[in-house]
Amino acid sequence: PDVVKSIRPHSRQVFDTHLMISDPKQYVDAFIDAGSDQITFHVETVADPSSLIAHLRAHNVMAGISLKPSTPVEVLKPYLKDIDLVLVMSVEPGFGGQSFMEETLEKITELARLKRELETDYDIVVDGGINEETGRACSQRGADVLVAGSYIFAADDRKEAMRRLR
């Protein structure tokens, strides 16, 4: 929250906070107060996701739910009409530089299908192992947003890496 608070006055960009922690409810108010516009939490870490979503909404903060590679899309169905984004982790959460897990492509396909079927408008975000090839595969399956860390920061020419990814 201190980092968000310190840079919030200097940017009009959307501040997207991904709480990859075991008890996000304990920390959301600090991030809300600091100026986060959007907060994503892992569905596996919250006993009552609806309550946390409602709390975020009550504070005019966009709500996102993330799921690990081993978590089925099915667990998100009760919340899909109430959220702004689904973050598909395409690696095990924890550290950068991991290889993309191909089996997560099916989750993207399923989330895109549910988005159409439920007539809702959440973004499908994919994070982990994103590069030019995996990014293309995710986009073809229905991903709206790609999160690329190591691919960009390890490139000799970061602008060119971003151009290729786009």
C-alpha atoms as a PDB file:
ATOM      1  CA  PRO A   1       0.000   0.000   0.000  1.00  0.00           C
ATOM      2  CA  ASP A   2       2.841   2.430   0.675  1.00  0.00           C
ATOM      3  CA  VAL A   3       4.106   2.109  -2.897  1.00  0.00           C
ATOM      4  CA  VAL A   4       0.622   2.647  -4.336  1.00  0.00           C
ATOM      5  CA  LYS A   5       0.085   5.653  -2.074  1.00  0.00           C
ATOM      6  CA  SER A   6       3.421   7.212  -3.001  1.00  0.00           C
ATOM      7  CA  ILE A   7       2.885   7.050  -6.767  1.00  0.00           C
ATOM      8  CA  ARG A   8      -0.894   7.541  -6.932  1.00  0.00           C
ATOM      9  CA  PRO A   9      -0.659  11.383  -7.021  1.00  0.00           C
ATOM     10  CA  HIS A  10       1.683  11.174 -10.022  1.00  0.00           C
ATOM     11  CA  SER A  11      -0.372   8.986 -12.344  1.00  0.00           C
ATOM     12  CA  ARG A  12      -3.856   8.742 -13.781  1.00  0.00           C
ATOM     13  CA  GLN A  13      -3.252   5.145 -14.871  1.00  0.00           C
ATOM     14  CA  VAL A  14      -5.408   2.355 -13.467  1.00  0.00           C
ATOM     15  CA  PHE A  15      -3.659   0.889 -10.447  1.00  0.00           C
ATOM     16  CA  ASP A  16      -4.226  -2.852 -10.608  1.00  0.00           C
ATOM     17  CA  THR A  17      -3.317  -4.626  -7.382  1.00  0.00           C
ATOM     18  CA  HIS A  18      -2.902  -8.407  -7.457  1.00  0.00           C
ATOM     19  CA  LEU A  19      -3.011  -9.716  -3.897  1.00  0.00           C
ATOM     20  CA  MET A  20      -1.188 -13.013  -4.147  1.00  0.00           C
ATOM     21  CA  ILE A  21      -1.476 -13.594  -0.410  1.00  0.00           C
ATOM     22  CA  SER A  22      -3.267 -15.992   1.920  1.00  0.00           C
ATOM     23  CA  ASP A  23      -5.637 -13.509   3.594  1.00  0.00           C
ATOM     24  CA  PRO A  24      -6.437 -10.676   1.152  1.00  0.00           C
ATOM     25  CA  LYS A  25      -9.425  -9.428   3.142  1.00  0.00           C
ATOM     26  CA  GLN A  26      -7.032  -8.355   5.884  1.00  0.00           C
ATOM     27  CA  TYR A  27      -5.219  -6.011   3.461  1.00  0.00           C
ATOM     28  CA  VAL A  28      -7.776  -4.708   0.950  1.00  0.00           C
ATOM     29  CA  ASP A  29      -8.716  -1.607   2.928  1.00  0.00           C
ATOM     30  CA  ALA A  30      -5.089  -0.468   3.047  1.00  0.00           C
ATOM     31  CA  PHE A  31      -4.875  -0.790  -0.754  1.00  0.00           C
ATOM     32  CA  ILE A  32      -8.248   0.907  -1.234  1.00  0.00           C
ATOM     33  CA  ASP A  33      -7.129   3.806   0.962  1.00  0.00           C
ATOM     34  CA  ALA A  34      -3.806   3.990  -0.902  1.00  0.00           C
ATOM     35  CA  GLY A  35      -5.572   4.425  -4.250  1.00  0.00           C
ATOM     36  CA  SER A  36      -5.826   1.027  -5.934  1.00  0.00           C
ATOM     37  CA  ASP A  37      -8.494   1.135  -8.655  1.00  0.00           C
ATOM     38  CA  GLN A  38      -8.732  -2.611  -9.117  1.00  0.00           C
ATOM     39  CA  ILE A  39      -7.950  -5.417  -6.689  1.00  0.00           C
ATOM     40  CA  THR A  40      -7.586  -9.061  -7.659  1.00  0.00           C
ATOM     41  CA  PHE A  41      -7.526 -11.851  -5.080  1.00  0.00           C
ATOM     42  CA  HIS A  42      -7.072 -15.603  -5.374  1.00  0.00           C
ATOM     43  CA  VAL A  43     -10.338 -17.503  -5.067  1.00  0.00           C
ATOM     44  CA  GLU A  44      -8.489 -20.270  -3.218  1.00  0.00           C
ATOM     45  CA  THR A  45      -7.666 -17.911  -0.325  1.00  0.00           C
ATOM     46  CA  VAL A  46     -11.116 -16.555   0.545  1.00  0.00           C
ATOM     47  CA  ALA A  47     -13.935 -18.393   2.321  1.00  0.00           C
ATOM     48  CA  ASP A  48     -16.607 -15.997   1.017  1.00  0.00           C
ATOM     49  CA  PRO A  49     -15.615 -14.400  -2.310  1.00  0.00           C
ATOM     50  CA  SER A  50     -19.037 -12.715  -2.671  1.00  0.00           C
ATOM     51  CA  SER A  51     -18.490 -10.763   0.525  1.00  0.00           C
ATOM     52  CA  LEU A  52     -15.079  -9.522  -0.598  1.00  0.00           C
ATOM     53  CA  ILE A  53     -16.428  -8.598  -4.046  1.00  0.00           C
ATOM     54  CA  ALA A  54     -19.264  -6.633  -2.400  1.00  0.00           C
ATOM     55  CA  HIS A  55     -16.774  -4.877  -0.134  1.00  0.00           C
ATOM     56  CA  LEU A  56     -14.667  -3.803  -3.109  1.00  0.00           C
ATOM     57  CA  ARG A  57     -17.748  -2.641  -5.027  1.00  0.00           C
ATOM     58  CA  ALA A  58     -18.956  -0.632  -2.016  1.00  0.00           C
ATOM     59  CA  HIS A  59     -15.663   1.265  -2.189  1.00  0.00           C
ATOM     60  CA  ASN A  60     -15.880   1.822  -5.975  1.00  0.00           C
ATOM     61  CA  VAL A  61     -12.992  -0.555  -6.622  1.00  0.00           C
ATOM     62  CA  MET A  62     -13.059  -2.993  -9.542  1.00  0.00           C
ATOM     63  CA  ALA A  63     -13.005  -6.625  -8.409  1.00  0.00           C
ATOM     64  CA  GLY A  64     -10.939  -9.417  -9.892  1.00  0.00           C
ATOM     65  CA  ILE A  65     -10.581 -13.081  -9.060  1.00  0.00           C
ATOM     66  CA  SER A  66      -7.502 -15.129  -9.816  1.00  0.00           C
ATOM     67  CA  LEU A  67      -7.215 -18.871 -10.022  1.00  0.00           C
ATOM     68  CA  LYS A  68      -4.206 -21.140  -9.885  1.00  0.00           C
ATOM     69  CA  PRO A  69      -3.463 -23.583 -12.706  1.00  0.00           C
ATOM     70  CA  SER A  70      -4.931 -26.492 -10.712  1.00  0.00           C
ATOM     71  CA  THR A  71      -8.191 -24.715  -9.807  1.00  0.00           C
ATOM     72  CA  PRO A  72     -11.101 -25.480 -12.154  1.00  0.00           C
ATOM     73  CA  VAL A  73     -13.048 -22.634 -13.789  1.00  0.00           C
ATOM     74  CA  GLU A  74     -16.212 -24.165 -12.327  1.00  0.00           C
ATOM     75  CA  VAL A  75     -15.494 -22.623  -8.905  1.00  0.00           C
ATOM     76  CA  LEU A  76     -15.780 -19.126 -10.401  1.00  0.00           C
ATOM     77  CA  LYS A  77     -19.230 -19.528 -11.940  1.00  0.00           C
ATOM     78  CA  PRO A  78     -21.144 -18.042  -8.980  1.00  0.00           C
ATOM     79  CA  TYR A  79     -19.079 -14.830  -9.200  1.00  0.00           C
ATOM     80  CA  LEU A  80     -18.619 -14.202 -12.925  1.00  0.00           C
ATOM     81  CA  LYS A  81     -21.500 -11.739 -13.242  1.00  0.00           C
ATOM     82  CA  ASP A  82     -20.169  -9.652 -10.351  1.00  0.00           C
ATOM     83  CA  ILE A  83     -16.508  -9.196 -11.275  1.00  0.00           C
ATOM     84  CA  ASP A  84     -14.474  -7.088 -13.670  1.00  0.00           C
ATOM     85  CA  LEU A  85     -11.741  -9.578 -14.439  1.00  0.00           C
ATOM     86  CA  VAL A  86     -10.609 -13.155 -14.130  1.00  0.00           C
ATOM     87  CA  LEU A  87      -6.873 -13.622 -13.817  1.00  0.00           C
ATOM     88  CA  VAL A  88      -5.752 -17.015 -15.101  1.00  0.00           C
ATOM     89  CA  MET A  89      -2.412 -17.903 -13.575  1.00  0.00           C
ATOM     90  CA  SER A  90      -0.580 -19.835 -16.283  1.00  0.00           C
ATOM     91  CA  VAL A  91       2.260 -20.699 -13.897  1.00  0.00           C
ATOM     92  CA  GLU A  92       2.260 -21.575 -10.213  1.00  0.00           C
ATOM     93  CA  PRO A  93       2.123 -18.298  -8.275  1.00  0.00           C
ATOM     94  CA  GLY A  94       5.276 -17.221  -6.548  1.00  0.00           C
ATOM     95  CA  PHE A  95       8.133 -16.191  -8.795  1.00  0.00           C
ATOM     96  CA  GLY A  96       8.929 -15.001 -12.311  1.00  0.00           C
ATOM     97  CA  GLY A  97      10.594 -16.825 -15.164  1.00  0.00           C
ATOM     98  CA  GLN A  98       8.476 -19.990 -15.091  1.00  0.00           C
ATOM     99  CA  SER A  99       7.344 -21.778 -18.233  1.00  0.00           C
ATOM    100  CA  PHE A 100       3.789 -21.320 -19.486  1.00  0.00           C
ATOM    101  CA  MET A 101       1.498 -24.240 -18.614  1.00  0.00           C
ATOM    102  CA  GLU A 102      -0.279 -25.212 -21.840  1.00  0.00           C
ATOM    103  CA  GLU A 103      -3.244 -26.752 -20.010  1.00  0.00           C
ATOM    104  CA  THR A 104      -4.335 -23.256 -18.927  1.00  0.00           C
ATOM    105  CA  LEU A 105      -5.358 -22.513 -22.533  1.00  0.00           C
ATOM    106  CA  GLU A 106      -8.502 -24.588 -21.947  1.00  0.00           C
ATOM    107  CA  LYS A 107      -9.409 -22.352 -19.012  1.00  0.00           C
ATOM    108  CA  ILE A 108      -9.176 -19.299 -21.246  1.00  0.00           C
ATOM    109  CA  THR A 109     -11.432 -20.972 -23.810  1.00  0.00           C
ATOM    110  CA  GLU A 110     -13.937 -21.904 -21.097  1.00  0.00           C
ATOM    111  CA  LEU A 111     -13.944 -18.395 -19.594  1.00  0.00           C
ATOM    112  CA  ALA A 112     -14.497 -16.841 -23.035  1.00  0.00           C
ATOM    113  CA  ARG A 113     -17.416 -19.221 -23.618  1.00  0.00           C
ATOM    114  CA  LEU A 114     -18.956 -18.395 -20.233  1.00  0.00           C
ATOM    115  CA  LYS A 115     -18.496 -14.676 -20.877  1.00  0.00           C
ATOM    116  CA  ARG A 116     -20.615 -14.971 -24.031  1.00  0.00           C
ATOM    117  CA  GLU A 117     -23.105 -17.366 -22.468  1.00  0.00           C
ATOM    118  CA  LEU A 118     -23.652 -15.231 -19.355  1.00  0.00           C
ATOM    119  CA  GLU A 119     -23.632 -12.008 -21.386  1.00  0.00           C
ATOM    120  CA  THR A 120     -21.135 -10.413 -19.031  1.00  0.00           C
ATOM    121  CA  ASP A 121     -18.077  -8.305 -19.690  1.00  0.00           C
ATOM    122  CA  TYR A 122     -15.212  -9.373 -17.415  1.00  0.00           C
ATOM    123  CA  ASP A 123     -11.704  -9.184 -18.820  1.00  0.00           C
ATOM    124  CA  ILE A 124      -9.779 -12.416 -19.165  1.00  0.00           C
ATOM    125  CA  VAL A 125      -6.239 -11.742 -17.982  1.00  0.00           C
ATOM    126  CA  VAL A 126      -3.385 -14.259 -18.284  1.00  0.00           C
ATOM    127  CA  ASP A 127      -0.232 -14.048 -16.180  1.00  0.00           C
ATOM    128  CA  GLY A 128       2.803 -16.314 -16.312  1.00  0.00           C
ATOM    129  CA  GLY A 129       5.186 -17.459 -19.009  1.00  0.00           C
ATOM    130  CA  ILE A 130       3.827 -14.952 -21.516  1.00  0.00           C
ATOM    131  CA  ASN A 131       5.950 -14.374 -24.598  1.00  0.00           C
ATOM    132  CA  GLU A 132       5.201 -13.780 -28.272  1.00  0.00           C
ATOM    133  CA  GLU A 133       4.121 -17.387 -28.902  1.00  0.00           C
ATOM    134  CA  THR A 134       2.134 -18.018 -25.709  1.00  0.00           C
ATOM    135  CA  GLY A 135       0.599 -14.543 -25.891  1.00  0.00           C
ATOM    136  CA  ARG A 136      -0.715 -15.277 -29.384  1.00  0.00           C
ATOM    137  CA  ALA A 137      -2.174 -18.600 -28.214  1.00  0.00           C
ATOM    138  CA  CYS A 138      -3.905 -16.904 -25.263  1.00  0.00           C
ATOM    139  CA  SER A 139      -5.324 -14.129 -27.441  1.00  0.00           C
ATOM    140  CA  GLN A 140      -6.653 -16.651 -29.940  1.00  0.00           C
ATOM    141  CA  ARG A 141      -8.474 -18.412 -27.093  1.00  0.00           C
ATOM    142  CA  GLY A 142     -10.092 -15.200 -25.828  1.00  0.00           C
ATOM    143  CA  ALA A 143      -7.645 -13.476 -23.477  1.00  0.00           C
ATOM    144  CA  ASP A 144      -8.131  -9.704 -23.275  1.00  0.00           C
ATOM    145  CA  VAL A 145      -5.021  -8.782 -21.268  1.00  0.00           C
ATOM    146  CA  LEU A 146      -1.579 -10.389 -21.089  1.00  0.00           C
ATOM    147  CA  VAL A 147       0.821  -9.868 -18.190  1.00  0.00           C
ATOM    148  CA  ALA A 148       4.436 -10.200 -19.298  1.00  0.00           C
ATOM    149  CA  GLY A 149       7.295  -9.678 -16.877  1.00  0.00           C
ATOM    150  CA  SER A 150      10.374 -11.758 -17.601  1.00  0.00           C
ATOM    151  CA  TYR A 151       9.785 -11.701 -21.365  1.00  0.00           C
ATOM    152  CA  ILE A 152       9.981  -7.892 -21.385  1.00  0.00           C
ATOM    153  CA  PHE A 153      12.615  -7.301 -18.705  1.00  0.00           C
ATOM    154  CA  ALA A 154      15.004  -9.987 -19.992  1.00  0.00           C
ATOM    155  CA  ALA A 155      14.867  -8.684 -23.588  1.00  0.00           C
ATOM    156  CA  ASP A 156      17.795  -6.769 -25.040  1.00  0.00           C
ATOM    157  CA  ASP A 157      15.317  -4.431 -26.714  1.00  0.00           C
ATOM    158  CA  ARG A 158      12.302  -4.041 -24.434  1.00  0.00           C
ATOM    159  CA  LYS A 159      10.397  -1.800 -26.835  1.00  0.00           C
ATOM    160  CA  GLU A 160      10.748  -4.391 -29.587  1.00  0.00           C
ATOM    161  CA  ALA A 161       9.651  -7.192 -27.229  1.00  0.00           C
ATOM    162  CA  MET A 162       6.518  -5.201 -26.343  1.00  0.00           C
ATOM    163  CA  ARG A 163       5.863  -4.462 -30.002  1.00  0.00           C
ATOM    164  CA  ARG A 164       6.091  -8.166 -30.871  1.00  0.00           C
ATOM    165  CA  LEU A 165       3.814  -9.073 -27.984  1.00  0.00           C
ATOM    166  CA  ARG A 166       1.188  -6.555 -29.091  1.00  0.00           C
END
